[in-house]
N, C-alpha and C. Protein backbone atom coordinates (compact mmCIF):
# COMPACT_ATOMS: atom_id res chain seq x y z
N MET A 1 -6.65 130.96 -2.09
CA MET A 1 -5.29 130.63 -1.67
C MET A 1 -4.52 130.02 -2.82
N ARG A 2 -3.28 130.47 -3.01
CA ARG A 2 -2.47 129.96 -4.10
C ARG A 2 -2.01 128.54 -3.81
N HIS A 3 -1.99 127.73 -4.86
CA HIS A 3 -1.53 126.35 -4.72
C HIS A 3 -0.01 126.34 -4.64
N PRO A 4 0.58 125.39 -3.89
CA PRO A 4 2.04 125.32 -3.78
C PRO A 4 2.75 125.27 -5.13
N LYS A 5 2.12 124.66 -6.15
CA LYS A 5 2.74 124.57 -7.46
C LYS A 5 3.04 125.94 -8.05
N LYS A 6 2.29 126.96 -7.62
CA LYS A 6 2.50 128.30 -8.13
C LYS A 6 3.57 129.07 -7.34
N GLU A 7 3.98 128.50 -6.20
CA GLU A 7 4.93 129.20 -5.34
C GLU A 7 6.25 128.45 -5.16
N LEU A 8 6.28 127.18 -5.51
CA LEU A 8 7.46 126.36 -5.27
C LEU A 8 8.03 125.82 -6.57
N GLN A 9 9.35 125.79 -6.66
CA GLN A 9 10.02 125.26 -7.84
C GLN A 9 9.96 123.74 -7.89
N ASN A 10 10.08 123.10 -6.72
CA ASN A 10 10.17 121.64 -6.68
C ASN A 10 9.01 121.06 -5.87
N ILE A 11 7.90 120.84 -6.55
CA ILE A 11 6.71 120.35 -5.86
C ILE A 11 6.90 118.90 -5.41
N GLU A 12 7.73 118.12 -6.11
CA GLU A 12 7.97 116.73 -5.71
C GLU A 12 8.66 116.67 -4.36
N ARG A 13 9.64 117.54 -4.14
CA ARG A 13 10.32 117.57 -2.85
C ARG A 13 9.36 118.04 -1.76
N PHE A 14 8.51 119.00 -2.06
CA PHE A 14 7.50 119.47 -1.11
C PHE A 14 6.60 118.32 -0.67
N GLU A 15 6.12 117.53 -1.63
CA GLU A 15 5.25 116.41 -1.31
C GLU A 15 5.99 115.33 -0.53
N GLU A 16 7.26 115.12 -0.87
CA GLU A 16 8.08 114.16 -0.13
C GLU A 16 8.22 114.58 1.34
N ILE A 17 8.44 115.87 1.57
CA ILE A 17 8.60 116.38 2.94
C ILE A 17 7.32 116.17 3.74
N LEU A 18 6.18 116.50 3.15
CA LEU A 18 4.90 116.31 3.85
C LEU A 18 4.70 114.83 4.20
N LYS A 19 5.04 113.95 3.26
CA LYS A 19 4.88 112.51 3.49
C LYS A 19 5.75 112.04 4.65
N ILE A 20 6.99 112.47 4.70
CA ILE A 20 7.91 112.07 5.77
C ILE A 20 7.41 112.58 7.12
N ILE A 21 6.89 113.79 7.15
CA ILE A 21 6.36 114.36 8.40
C ILE A 21 5.24 113.48 8.94
N VAL A 22 4.33 113.07 8.08
CA VAL A 22 3.20 112.24 8.51
C VAL A 22 3.68 110.85 8.92
N GLU A 23 4.58 110.26 8.15
CA GLU A 23 5.06 108.91 8.45
C GLU A 23 5.77 108.84 9.78
N ASN A 24 6.33 109.95 10.24
CA ASN A 24 7.02 109.98 11.52
C ASN A 24 6.12 110.45 12.66
N GLY A 25 4.82 110.55 12.39
CA GLY A 25 3.87 110.89 13.45
C GLY A 25 3.80 112.36 13.80
N ALA A 26 4.27 113.22 12.90
CA ALA A 26 4.28 114.65 13.19
C ALA A 26 3.25 115.43 12.37
N GLY A 27 2.21 114.73 11.93
CA GLY A 27 1.18 115.38 11.12
C GLY A 27 0.46 116.53 11.81
N HIS A 28 0.51 116.54 13.14
CA HIS A 28 -0.10 117.64 13.90
C HIS A 28 0.46 118.99 13.45
N LEU A 29 1.74 119.01 13.09
CA LEU A 29 2.37 120.26 12.63
C LEU A 29 1.73 120.74 11.33
N LEU A 30 1.38 119.81 10.48
CA LEU A 30 0.72 120.18 9.22
C LEU A 30 -0.69 120.67 9.47
N LYS A 31 -1.37 120.09 10.46
CA LYS A 31 -2.71 120.58 10.81
C LYS A 31 -2.62 122.03 11.28
N GLN A 32 -1.62 122.32 12.12
CA GLN A 32 -1.46 123.69 12.62
C GLN A 32 -1.18 124.67 11.49
N ALA A 33 -0.43 124.20 10.49
CA ALA A 33 -0.04 125.08 9.39
C ALA A 33 -1.07 125.15 8.27
N GLY A 34 -2.17 124.39 8.40
CA GLY A 34 -3.19 124.40 7.37
C GLY A 34 -2.76 123.73 6.08
N LEU A 35 -1.88 122.73 6.18
CA LEU A 35 -1.32 122.09 5.00
C LEU A 35 -1.80 120.66 4.79
N VAL A 36 -2.67 120.18 5.65
CA VAL A 36 -3.16 118.80 5.53
C VAL A 36 -3.85 118.57 4.19
N LYS A 37 -4.50 119.58 3.68
CA LYS A 37 -5.25 119.42 2.42
C LYS A 37 -4.37 119.10 1.23
N HIS A 38 -3.06 119.31 1.36
CA HIS A 38 -2.16 119.01 0.26
C HIS A 38 -1.67 117.56 0.27
N LEU A 39 -2.13 116.78 1.24
CA LEU A 39 -1.75 115.38 1.34
C LEU A 39 -2.72 114.50 0.56
N PRO A 40 -2.27 113.33 0.05
CA PRO A 40 -3.21 112.35 -0.51
C PRO A 40 -4.19 111.92 0.59
N LEU A 41 -5.37 111.48 0.20
CA LEU A 41 -6.43 111.20 1.17
C LEU A 41 -6.01 110.27 2.31
N PRO A 42 -5.35 109.14 2.06
CA PRO A 42 -4.97 108.26 3.18
C PRO A 42 -4.06 108.96 4.20
N GLN A 43 -3.09 109.73 3.70
CA GLN A 43 -2.19 110.44 4.60
C GLN A 43 -2.91 111.60 5.29
N ARG A 44 -3.86 112.20 4.59
CA ARG A 44 -4.64 113.29 5.18
C ARG A 44 -5.40 112.79 6.40
N LEU A 45 -6.04 111.65 6.28
CA LEU A 45 -6.78 111.07 7.39
C LEU A 45 -5.84 110.70 8.54
N LYS A 46 -4.69 110.16 8.18
CA LYS A 46 -3.70 109.77 9.19
C LYS A 46 -3.19 110.99 9.94
N ALA A 47 -2.89 112.06 9.21
CA ALA A 47 -2.37 113.28 9.83
C ALA A 47 -3.38 113.89 10.80
N ARG A 48 -4.65 113.85 10.43
CA ARG A 48 -5.69 114.45 11.27
C ARG A 48 -5.87 113.70 12.59
N ARG A 49 -5.43 112.44 12.63
CA ARG A 49 -5.51 111.66 13.88
C ARG A 49 -4.28 111.85 14.77
N GLN A 50 -3.24 112.41 14.22
CA GLN A 50 -1.99 112.51 14.97
C GLN A 50 -1.99 113.68 15.94
N LYS A 51 -1.38 113.43 17.11
CA LYS A 51 -1.28 114.45 18.14
C LYS A 51 0.07 115.16 18.02
N LYS A 52 0.30 116.08 18.92
CA LYS A 52 1.57 116.79 18.93
C LYS A 52 2.72 115.78 19.04
N PRO A 53 3.72 115.84 18.15
CA PRO A 53 4.79 114.84 18.19
C PRO A 53 5.64 114.97 19.44
N ASN A 54 6.07 113.82 19.97
CA ASN A 54 6.97 113.88 21.11
C ASN A 54 8.36 114.31 20.63
N PRO A 55 9.24 114.72 21.54
CA PRO A 55 10.55 115.22 21.13
C PRO A 55 11.34 114.27 20.25
N GLU A 56 11.32 112.98 20.58
CA GLU A 56 12.08 112.02 19.80
C GLU A 56 11.54 111.92 18.37
N ALA A 57 10.22 111.92 18.23
CA ALA A 57 9.62 111.84 16.90
C ALA A 57 9.99 113.05 16.06
N LEU A 58 10.04 114.22 16.69
CA LEU A 58 10.41 115.42 15.96
C LEU A 58 11.87 115.34 15.50
N ARG A 59 12.74 114.89 16.39
CA ARG A 59 14.16 114.76 16.01
C ARG A 59 14.33 113.78 14.84
N LYS A 60 13.67 112.63 14.93
CA LYS A 60 13.78 111.63 13.87
C LYS A 60 13.23 112.16 12.55
N THR A 61 12.17 112.95 12.62
CA THR A 61 11.61 113.55 11.41
C THR A 61 12.63 114.45 10.74
N LEU A 62 13.26 115.31 11.52
CA LEU A 62 14.25 116.24 10.96
C LEU A 62 15.45 115.49 10.40
N GLU A 63 15.87 114.43 11.08
CA GLU A 63 16.99 113.63 10.58
C GLU A 63 16.67 113.02 9.23
N GLU A 64 15.47 112.50 9.08
CA GLU A 64 15.09 111.88 7.82
C GLU A 64 14.93 112.91 6.71
N LEU A 65 14.54 114.12 7.06
CA LEU A 65 14.36 115.17 6.05
C LEU A 65 15.69 115.67 5.50
N GLY A 66 16.78 115.44 6.22
CA GLY A 66 18.09 115.72 5.66
C GLY A 66 18.76 117.01 6.12
N THR A 67 19.83 117.34 5.44
CA THR A 67 20.78 118.39 5.83
C THR A 67 20.15 119.68 6.31
N THR A 68 19.31 120.29 5.50
CA THR A 68 18.76 121.61 5.83
C THR A 68 17.89 121.55 7.07
N PHE A 69 17.10 120.51 7.20
CA PHE A 69 16.20 120.38 8.35
C PHE A 69 16.97 120.01 9.62
N ILE A 70 18.05 119.25 9.47
CA ILE A 70 18.89 118.95 10.63
C ILE A 70 19.48 120.25 11.18
N LYS A 71 19.97 121.09 10.29
CA LYS A 71 20.54 122.37 10.72
C LYS A 71 19.47 123.26 11.35
N PHE A 72 18.26 123.20 10.79
CA PHE A 72 17.15 123.97 11.36
C PHE A 72 16.87 123.50 12.79
N GLY A 73 16.86 122.19 13.00
CA GLY A 73 16.65 121.66 14.34
C GLY A 73 17.76 122.03 15.30
N GLN A 74 18.99 122.07 14.80
CA GLN A 74 20.12 122.45 15.66
C GLN A 74 19.98 123.89 16.14
N ILE A 75 19.49 124.76 15.26
CA ILE A 75 19.27 126.16 15.66
C ILE A 75 18.12 126.26 16.65
N LEU A 76 17.04 125.49 16.42
CA LEU A 76 15.92 125.48 17.36
C LEU A 76 16.36 124.99 18.74
N ALA A 77 17.33 124.08 18.76
CA ALA A 77 17.81 123.54 20.04
C ALA A 77 18.44 124.62 20.91
N GLU A 78 18.84 125.71 20.29
CA GLU A 78 19.46 126.81 21.02
C GLU A 78 18.46 127.92 21.34
N ARG A 79 17.17 127.65 21.11
CA ARG A 79 16.14 128.68 21.32
C ARG A 79 15.04 128.20 22.27
N PRO A 80 15.36 128.07 23.57
CA PRO A 80 14.33 127.67 24.53
C PRO A 80 13.22 128.70 24.67
N ASP A 81 13.43 129.90 24.12
CA ASP A 81 12.38 130.92 24.12
C ASP A 81 11.29 130.58 23.09
N LEU A 82 11.64 129.73 22.12
CA LEU A 82 10.68 129.34 21.09
C LEU A 82 10.14 127.93 21.27
N VAL A 83 10.97 127.04 21.82
CA VAL A 83 10.64 125.63 21.91
C VAL A 83 10.78 125.15 23.35
N PRO A 84 9.82 124.37 23.87
CA PRO A 84 9.93 123.86 25.24
C PRO A 84 11.25 123.11 25.46
N ARG A 85 11.74 123.15 26.70
CA ARG A 85 13.06 122.60 27.00
C ARG A 85 13.18 121.13 26.64
N ARG A 86 12.12 120.35 26.86
CA ARG A 86 12.24 118.92 26.55
C ARG A 86 12.47 118.69 25.07
N TYR A 87 12.05 119.64 24.23
CA TYR A 87 12.32 119.54 22.80
C TYR A 87 13.75 120.03 22.49
N THR A 88 14.17 121.11 23.11
CA THR A 88 15.52 121.61 22.84
C THR A 88 16.56 120.59 23.26
N GLU A 89 16.31 119.89 24.36
CA GLU A 89 17.25 118.87 24.82
C GLU A 89 17.36 117.73 23.82
N GLU A 90 16.24 117.33 23.25
CA GLU A 90 16.25 116.24 22.26
C GLU A 90 16.88 116.71 20.94
N LEU A 91 16.54 117.93 20.52
CA LEU A 91 17.07 118.45 19.26
C LEU A 91 18.57 118.68 19.34
N SER A 92 19.09 118.89 20.53
CA SER A 92 20.55 119.07 20.68
C SER A 92 21.31 117.79 20.33
N ARG A 93 20.60 116.67 20.20
CA ARG A 93 21.22 115.40 19.83
C ARG A 93 21.41 115.28 18.32
N LEU A 94 20.83 116.20 17.57
CA LEU A 94 21.01 116.16 16.12
C LEU A 94 22.48 116.36 15.79
N GLN A 95 23.03 115.48 14.98
CA GLN A 95 24.44 115.54 14.63
C GLN A 95 24.60 115.90 13.15
N ASP A 96 25.52 116.84 12.89
CA ASP A 96 25.79 117.28 11.53
C ASP A 96 26.89 116.41 10.93
N HIS A 97 26.53 115.21 10.51
CA HIS A 97 27.51 114.32 9.90
C HIS A 97 26.88 113.61 8.72
N ALA A 98 27.72 113.08 7.88
CA ALA A 98 27.22 112.36 6.71
C ALA A 98 28.31 111.42 6.23
N PRO A 99 27.92 110.37 5.52
CA PRO A 99 28.94 109.45 4.98
C PRO A 99 29.89 110.19 4.05
N GLU A 100 31.12 109.74 3.98
CA GLU A 100 32.09 110.34 3.07
C GLU A 100 31.62 110.16 1.63
N PHE A 101 31.85 111.19 0.79
CA PHE A 101 31.61 111.00 -0.63
C PHE A 101 32.93 110.68 -1.32
N ASN A 102 32.86 110.24 -2.54
CA ASN A 102 34.01 109.70 -3.27
C ASN A 102 35.20 110.67 -3.28
N ASN A 103 36.36 110.19 -2.81
CA ASN A 103 37.55 111.03 -2.76
C ASN A 103 37.98 111.49 -4.15
N GLN A 104 37.85 110.62 -5.13
CA GLN A 104 38.24 110.99 -6.49
C GLN A 104 37.42 112.18 -6.99
N LYS A 105 36.13 112.18 -6.65
CA LYS A 105 35.28 113.31 -7.02
C LYS A 105 35.74 114.58 -6.32
N ALA A 106 36.15 114.45 -5.05
CA ALA A 106 36.65 115.61 -4.31
C ALA A 106 37.92 116.16 -4.97
N TYR A 107 38.82 115.27 -5.38
CA TYR A 107 40.06 115.72 -6.02
C TYR A 107 39.77 116.41 -7.35
N GLN A 108 38.77 115.93 -8.07
CA GLN A 108 38.39 116.58 -9.33
C GLN A 108 37.91 118.00 -9.08
N ILE A 109 37.12 118.17 -8.02
CA ILE A 109 36.62 119.51 -7.69
C ILE A 109 37.78 120.42 -7.29
N ILE A 110 38.70 119.90 -6.49
CA ILE A 110 39.88 120.69 -6.08
C ILE A 110 40.69 121.10 -7.31
N GLY A 111 40.91 120.14 -8.22
CA GLY A 111 41.68 120.44 -9.42
C GLY A 111 41.02 121.49 -10.29
N LYS A 112 39.70 121.44 -10.39
CA LYS A 112 38.96 122.39 -11.23
C LYS A 112 38.92 123.78 -10.62
N GLU A 113 38.73 123.86 -9.30
CA GLU A 113 38.49 125.16 -8.67
C GLU A 113 39.74 125.79 -8.06
N ILE A 114 40.73 124.97 -7.70
CA ILE A 114 41.94 125.52 -7.05
C ILE A 114 43.20 125.24 -7.85
N ASN A 115 43.29 124.05 -8.43
CA ASN A 115 44.47 123.55 -9.14
C ASN A 115 45.37 122.80 -8.16
N THR A 116 45.42 121.51 -8.34
CA THR A 116 46.19 120.65 -7.42
C THR A 116 47.69 120.92 -7.47
N GLU A 117 48.17 121.58 -8.52
CA GLU A 117 49.61 121.88 -8.62
C GLU A 117 50.07 122.87 -7.55
N LYS A 118 49.12 123.51 -6.88
CA LYS A 118 49.47 124.45 -5.80
C LYS A 118 49.88 123.72 -4.53
N PHE A 119 49.70 122.39 -4.52
CA PHE A 119 49.94 121.63 -3.30
C PHE A 119 51.07 120.61 -3.48
N GLN A 120 51.89 120.51 -2.43
CA GLN A 120 52.87 119.42 -2.36
C GLN A 120 52.16 118.10 -2.15
N GLU A 121 51.14 118.16 -1.28
CA GLU A 121 50.45 116.94 -0.89
C GLU A 121 49.04 117.25 -0.44
N ILE A 122 48.13 116.35 -0.78
CA ILE A 122 46.76 116.37 -0.25
C ILE A 122 46.52 114.99 0.33
N GLU A 123 46.19 114.93 1.62
CA GLU A 123 46.00 113.62 2.24
C GLU A 123 44.85 112.87 1.58
N GLU A 124 45.02 111.56 1.46
CA GLU A 124 44.05 110.76 0.72
C GLU A 124 42.69 110.68 1.41
N GLU A 125 42.69 110.56 2.73
CA GLU A 125 41.44 110.42 3.46
C GLU A 125 41.02 111.75 4.08
N PRO A 126 39.73 112.05 4.08
CA PRO A 126 39.28 113.33 4.64
C PRO A 126 39.49 113.42 6.15
N LEU A 127 39.77 114.63 6.59
CA LEU A 127 39.90 114.90 8.02
C LEU A 127 38.53 114.84 8.69
N ALA A 128 37.52 115.29 7.98
CA ALA A 128 36.14 115.29 8.50
C ALA A 128 35.17 115.26 7.34
N SER A 129 33.97 114.73 7.61
CA SER A 129 32.93 114.68 6.60
C SER A 129 31.62 115.11 7.24
N ALA A 130 31.07 116.23 6.79
CA ALA A 130 29.82 116.75 7.34
C ALA A 130 28.79 116.83 6.22
N SER A 131 27.63 117.34 6.54
CA SER A 131 26.52 117.31 5.59
C SER A 131 26.72 118.23 4.40
N ILE A 132 27.50 119.29 4.57
CA ILE A 132 27.70 120.24 3.48
C ILE A 132 29.04 120.04 2.79
N ALA A 133 30.08 119.68 3.55
CA ALA A 133 31.41 119.62 2.96
C ALA A 133 32.26 118.51 3.55
N GLN A 134 33.35 118.24 2.85
CA GLN A 134 34.36 117.30 3.29
C GLN A 134 35.67 118.07 3.40
N VAL A 135 36.48 117.77 4.43
CA VAL A 135 37.69 118.55 4.69
C VAL A 135 38.92 117.66 4.59
N TYR A 136 39.94 118.18 3.90
CA TYR A 136 41.19 117.44 3.71
C TYR A 136 42.37 118.26 4.24
N LYS A 137 43.33 117.58 4.87
CA LYS A 137 44.59 118.21 5.21
C LYS A 137 45.46 118.28 3.95
N ALA A 138 46.21 119.36 3.81
CA ALA A 138 47.07 119.52 2.64
C ALA A 138 48.29 120.37 2.98
N THR A 139 49.28 120.33 2.10
CA THR A 139 50.49 121.13 2.25
C THR A 139 50.73 121.91 0.96
N LEU A 140 50.84 123.23 1.08
CA LEU A 140 51.12 124.06 -0.09
C LEU A 140 52.55 123.84 -0.58
N GLN A 141 52.84 124.31 -1.79
CA GLN A 141 54.20 124.21 -2.32
C GLN A 141 55.20 124.96 -1.45
N SER A 142 54.71 125.97 -0.72
CA SER A 142 55.57 126.74 0.19
C SER A 142 55.89 125.99 1.47
N GLY A 143 55.21 124.88 1.70
CA GLY A 143 55.38 124.10 2.92
C GLY A 143 54.35 124.41 3.99
N GLU A 144 53.50 125.40 3.74
CA GLU A 144 52.48 125.78 4.71
C GLU A 144 51.39 124.71 4.79
N LYS A 145 51.01 124.37 6.02
CA LYS A 145 49.94 123.39 6.24
C LYS A 145 48.58 124.10 6.15
N VAL A 146 47.68 123.51 5.41
CA VAL A 146 46.34 124.10 5.25
C VAL A 146 45.30 122.99 5.28
N VAL A 147 44.03 123.39 5.26
CA VAL A 147 42.94 122.43 5.06
C VAL A 147 42.14 122.88 3.84
N ILE A 148 41.62 121.92 3.11
CA ILE A 148 40.80 122.20 1.94
C ILE A 148 39.38 121.73 2.23
N LYS A 149 38.43 122.63 2.06
CA LYS A 149 37.03 122.31 2.32
C LYS A 149 36.32 122.17 0.98
N VAL A 150 35.78 120.98 0.73
CA VAL A 150 35.16 120.68 -0.56
C VAL A 150 33.66 120.48 -0.36
N ARG A 151 32.87 121.33 -1.01
CA ARG A 151 31.41 121.22 -0.88
C ARG A 151 30.91 119.96 -1.58
N ARG A 152 29.96 119.29 -0.96
CA ARG A 152 29.39 118.08 -1.55
C ARG A 152 28.74 118.39 -2.90
N PRO A 153 28.96 117.55 -3.89
CA PRO A 153 28.34 117.79 -5.20
C PRO A 153 26.82 117.85 -5.08
N GLY A 154 26.25 118.90 -5.65
CA GLY A 154 24.79 119.05 -5.70
C GLY A 154 24.15 119.55 -4.43
N ILE A 155 24.93 119.72 -3.34
CA ILE A 155 24.32 120.07 -2.06
C ILE A 155 23.73 121.49 -2.06
N LYS A 156 24.38 122.40 -2.79
CA LYS A 156 23.89 123.79 -2.82
C LYS A 156 22.47 123.84 -3.38
N GLU A 157 22.24 123.11 -4.46
CA GLU A 157 20.91 123.10 -5.08
C GLU A 157 19.87 122.46 -4.15
N LYS A 158 20.27 121.37 -3.48
CA LYS A 158 19.36 120.69 -2.56
C LYS A 158 18.98 121.59 -1.39
N VAL A 159 19.97 122.29 -0.84
CA VAL A 159 19.70 123.18 0.29
C VAL A 159 18.81 124.33 -0.13
N GLU A 160 19.05 124.90 -1.31
CA GLU A 160 18.22 126.01 -1.79
C GLU A 160 16.77 125.58 -1.95
N THR A 161 16.57 124.37 -2.46
CA THR A 161 15.21 123.85 -2.61
C THR A 161 14.53 123.75 -1.25
N ASP A 162 15.23 123.19 -0.27
CA ASP A 162 14.64 123.01 1.05
C ASP A 162 14.42 124.34 1.77
N LEU A 163 15.30 125.31 1.56
CA LEU A 163 15.10 126.63 2.17
C LEU A 163 13.84 127.29 1.61
N GLU A 164 13.61 127.13 0.33
CA GLU A 164 12.40 127.67 -0.29
C GLU A 164 11.16 127.03 0.32
N ILE A 165 11.21 125.73 0.54
CA ILE A 165 10.06 125.01 1.10
C ILE A 165 9.86 125.38 2.57
N ILE A 166 10.95 125.51 3.32
CA ILE A 166 10.84 125.92 4.72
C ILE A 166 10.21 127.30 4.82
N ASP A 167 10.60 128.19 3.93
CA ASP A 167 10.02 129.54 3.92
C ASP A 167 8.51 129.46 3.64
N TYR A 168 8.12 128.63 2.70
CA TYR A 168 6.70 128.46 2.37
C TYR A 168 5.94 127.88 3.56
N LEU A 169 6.49 126.84 4.19
CA LEU A 169 5.84 126.23 5.35
C LEU A 169 5.68 127.23 6.49
N ALA A 170 6.72 128.05 6.70
CA ALA A 170 6.67 129.03 7.79
C ALA A 170 5.60 130.09 7.54
N LYS A 171 5.49 130.54 6.30
CA LYS A 171 4.47 131.55 5.98
C LYS A 171 3.07 131.00 6.23
N LYS A 172 2.84 129.75 5.81
CA LYS A 172 1.53 129.15 6.01
C LYS A 172 1.26 128.90 7.50
N ALA A 173 2.27 128.45 8.21
CA ALA A 173 2.11 128.19 9.65
C ALA A 173 1.78 129.47 10.40
N GLN A 174 2.48 130.54 10.08
CA GLN A 174 2.25 131.81 10.77
C GLN A 174 0.86 132.37 10.46
N LYS A 175 0.39 132.10 9.27
CA LYS A 175 -0.94 132.58 8.87
C LYS A 175 -2.05 131.82 9.58
N HIS A 176 -1.85 130.51 9.81
CA HIS A 176 -2.93 129.67 10.33
C HIS A 176 -2.87 129.41 11.83
N SER A 177 -1.77 129.70 12.47
CA SER A 177 -1.61 129.33 13.87
C SER A 177 -1.21 130.52 14.73
N LYS A 178 -1.97 130.77 15.78
CA LYS A 178 -1.63 131.86 16.70
C LYS A 178 -0.30 131.59 17.39
N ARG A 179 -0.06 130.32 17.71
CA ARG A 179 1.21 129.94 18.34
C ARG A 179 2.40 130.30 17.46
N PHE A 180 2.31 129.98 16.16
CA PHE A 180 3.40 130.30 15.25
C PHE A 180 3.50 131.81 15.01
N GLN A 181 2.37 132.50 15.10
CA GLN A 181 2.41 133.96 15.00
C GLN A 181 3.19 134.55 16.16
N GLU A 182 2.93 134.05 17.35
CA GLU A 182 3.64 134.53 18.54
C GLU A 182 5.13 134.23 18.47
N MET A 183 5.48 133.13 17.83
CA MET A 183 6.88 132.76 17.66
C MET A 183 7.57 133.60 16.58
N HIS A 184 6.79 134.31 15.76
CA HIS A 184 7.33 135.01 14.59
C HIS A 184 8.16 134.03 13.76
N ILE A 185 7.54 132.87 13.49
CA ILE A 185 8.27 131.77 12.86
C ILE A 185 8.82 132.14 11.49
N HIS A 186 8.13 133.00 10.76
CA HIS A 186 8.64 133.34 9.43
C HIS A 186 9.90 134.20 9.53
N ASP A 187 9.93 135.12 10.47
CA ASP A 187 11.15 135.91 10.68
C ASP A 187 12.31 135.01 11.07
N PHE A 188 12.01 134.02 11.91
CA PHE A 188 13.04 133.08 12.35
C PHE A 188 13.59 132.28 11.17
N THR A 189 12.70 131.80 10.30
CA THR A 189 13.17 131.00 9.17
C THR A 189 13.94 131.86 8.16
N LYS A 190 13.59 133.13 8.04
CA LYS A 190 14.36 134.00 7.14
C LYS A 190 15.78 134.20 7.67
N GLU A 191 15.90 134.38 8.99
CA GLU A 191 17.24 134.48 9.59
C GLU A 191 18.02 133.19 9.38
N PHE A 192 17.34 132.06 9.55
CA PHE A 192 17.98 130.77 9.35
C PHE A 192 18.47 130.62 7.91
N SER A 193 17.64 131.03 6.95
CA SER A 193 18.03 130.93 5.55
C SER A 193 19.25 131.77 5.25
N ASN A 194 19.29 132.98 5.78
CA ASN A 194 20.46 133.84 5.56
C ASN A 194 21.72 133.22 6.16
N TRP A 195 21.60 132.67 7.36
CA TRP A 195 22.74 132.03 8.02
C TRP A 195 23.22 130.82 7.22
N THR A 196 22.28 130.01 6.72
CA THR A 196 22.64 128.81 5.97
C THR A 196 23.32 129.18 4.66
N ARG A 197 22.82 130.19 3.98
CA ARG A 197 23.46 130.62 2.73
C ARG A 197 24.86 131.15 2.98
N ASP A 198 25.04 131.83 4.09
CA ASP A 198 26.40 132.28 4.45
C ASP A 198 27.33 131.10 4.67
N GLU A 199 26.81 130.04 5.31
CA GLU A 199 27.62 128.85 5.56
C GLU A 199 27.99 128.16 4.26
N MET A 200 27.13 128.25 3.28
CA MET A 200 27.40 127.63 1.98
C MET A 200 28.40 128.43 1.16
N ASN A 201 28.61 129.70 1.53
CA ASN A 201 29.49 130.59 0.77
C ASN A 201 30.91 130.46 1.31
N PHE A 202 31.72 129.61 0.72
CA PHE A 202 33.06 129.35 1.22
C PHE A 202 33.99 130.54 1.03
N LYS A 203 33.75 131.38 0.01
CA LYS A 203 34.58 132.57 -0.18
C LYS A 203 34.40 133.52 0.99
N LYS A 204 33.15 133.68 1.41
CA LYS A 204 32.85 134.55 2.54
C LYS A 204 33.45 133.98 3.82
N GLU A 205 33.37 132.66 3.97
CA GLU A 205 33.94 131.99 5.15
C GLU A 205 35.45 132.19 5.20
N ALA A 206 36.11 132.08 4.02
CA ALA A 206 37.56 132.25 3.96
C ALA A 206 37.96 133.66 4.36
N ILE A 207 37.17 134.65 3.93
CA ILE A 207 37.46 136.05 4.29
C ILE A 207 37.32 136.24 5.80
N ASN A 208 36.28 135.65 6.37
CA ASN A 208 36.06 135.78 7.82
C ASN A 208 37.21 135.12 8.58
């Protein structure tokens, strides 16, 4: 079996994800996926003692893992054919929000990619702040009201890293677990990755 270092670009993030899963009591998932052996010995022993995580523990795990995993949980919440209802109900509580990032940084991005001279006004405070982007109300020189969606600095790279790791986890899970085979979990994660990349593509979103 190939070691994760030969298949993943960011092994540190992979190890961080495994650690968070165990710390939140969800090590049973790693046992099912045959990934316990990649944990340090103390965490390996801890994971082997853990049972199937309850819905709340699973939600908290995904929240701590960040943007990509929160979105993954939100999609799972809409799939009672894959996940028991008590889990879908808990996962539906996952919220796609994040603290605002620096407005000055957002204005720099707007100036570089759009040119602020195209606008009469850009409101100082964001209309909304989510995990991938921040949105501002603005007025074009023509007087037309618009919104500007600014992607969080560095988020594209972070999401790509996590999508690669999710794909790796899904392949291992499907190989080691009959339950995950029946779920066709790898096909599901590939669809999720395509959907997430589309969401990150603002040009495509603008065309739609």
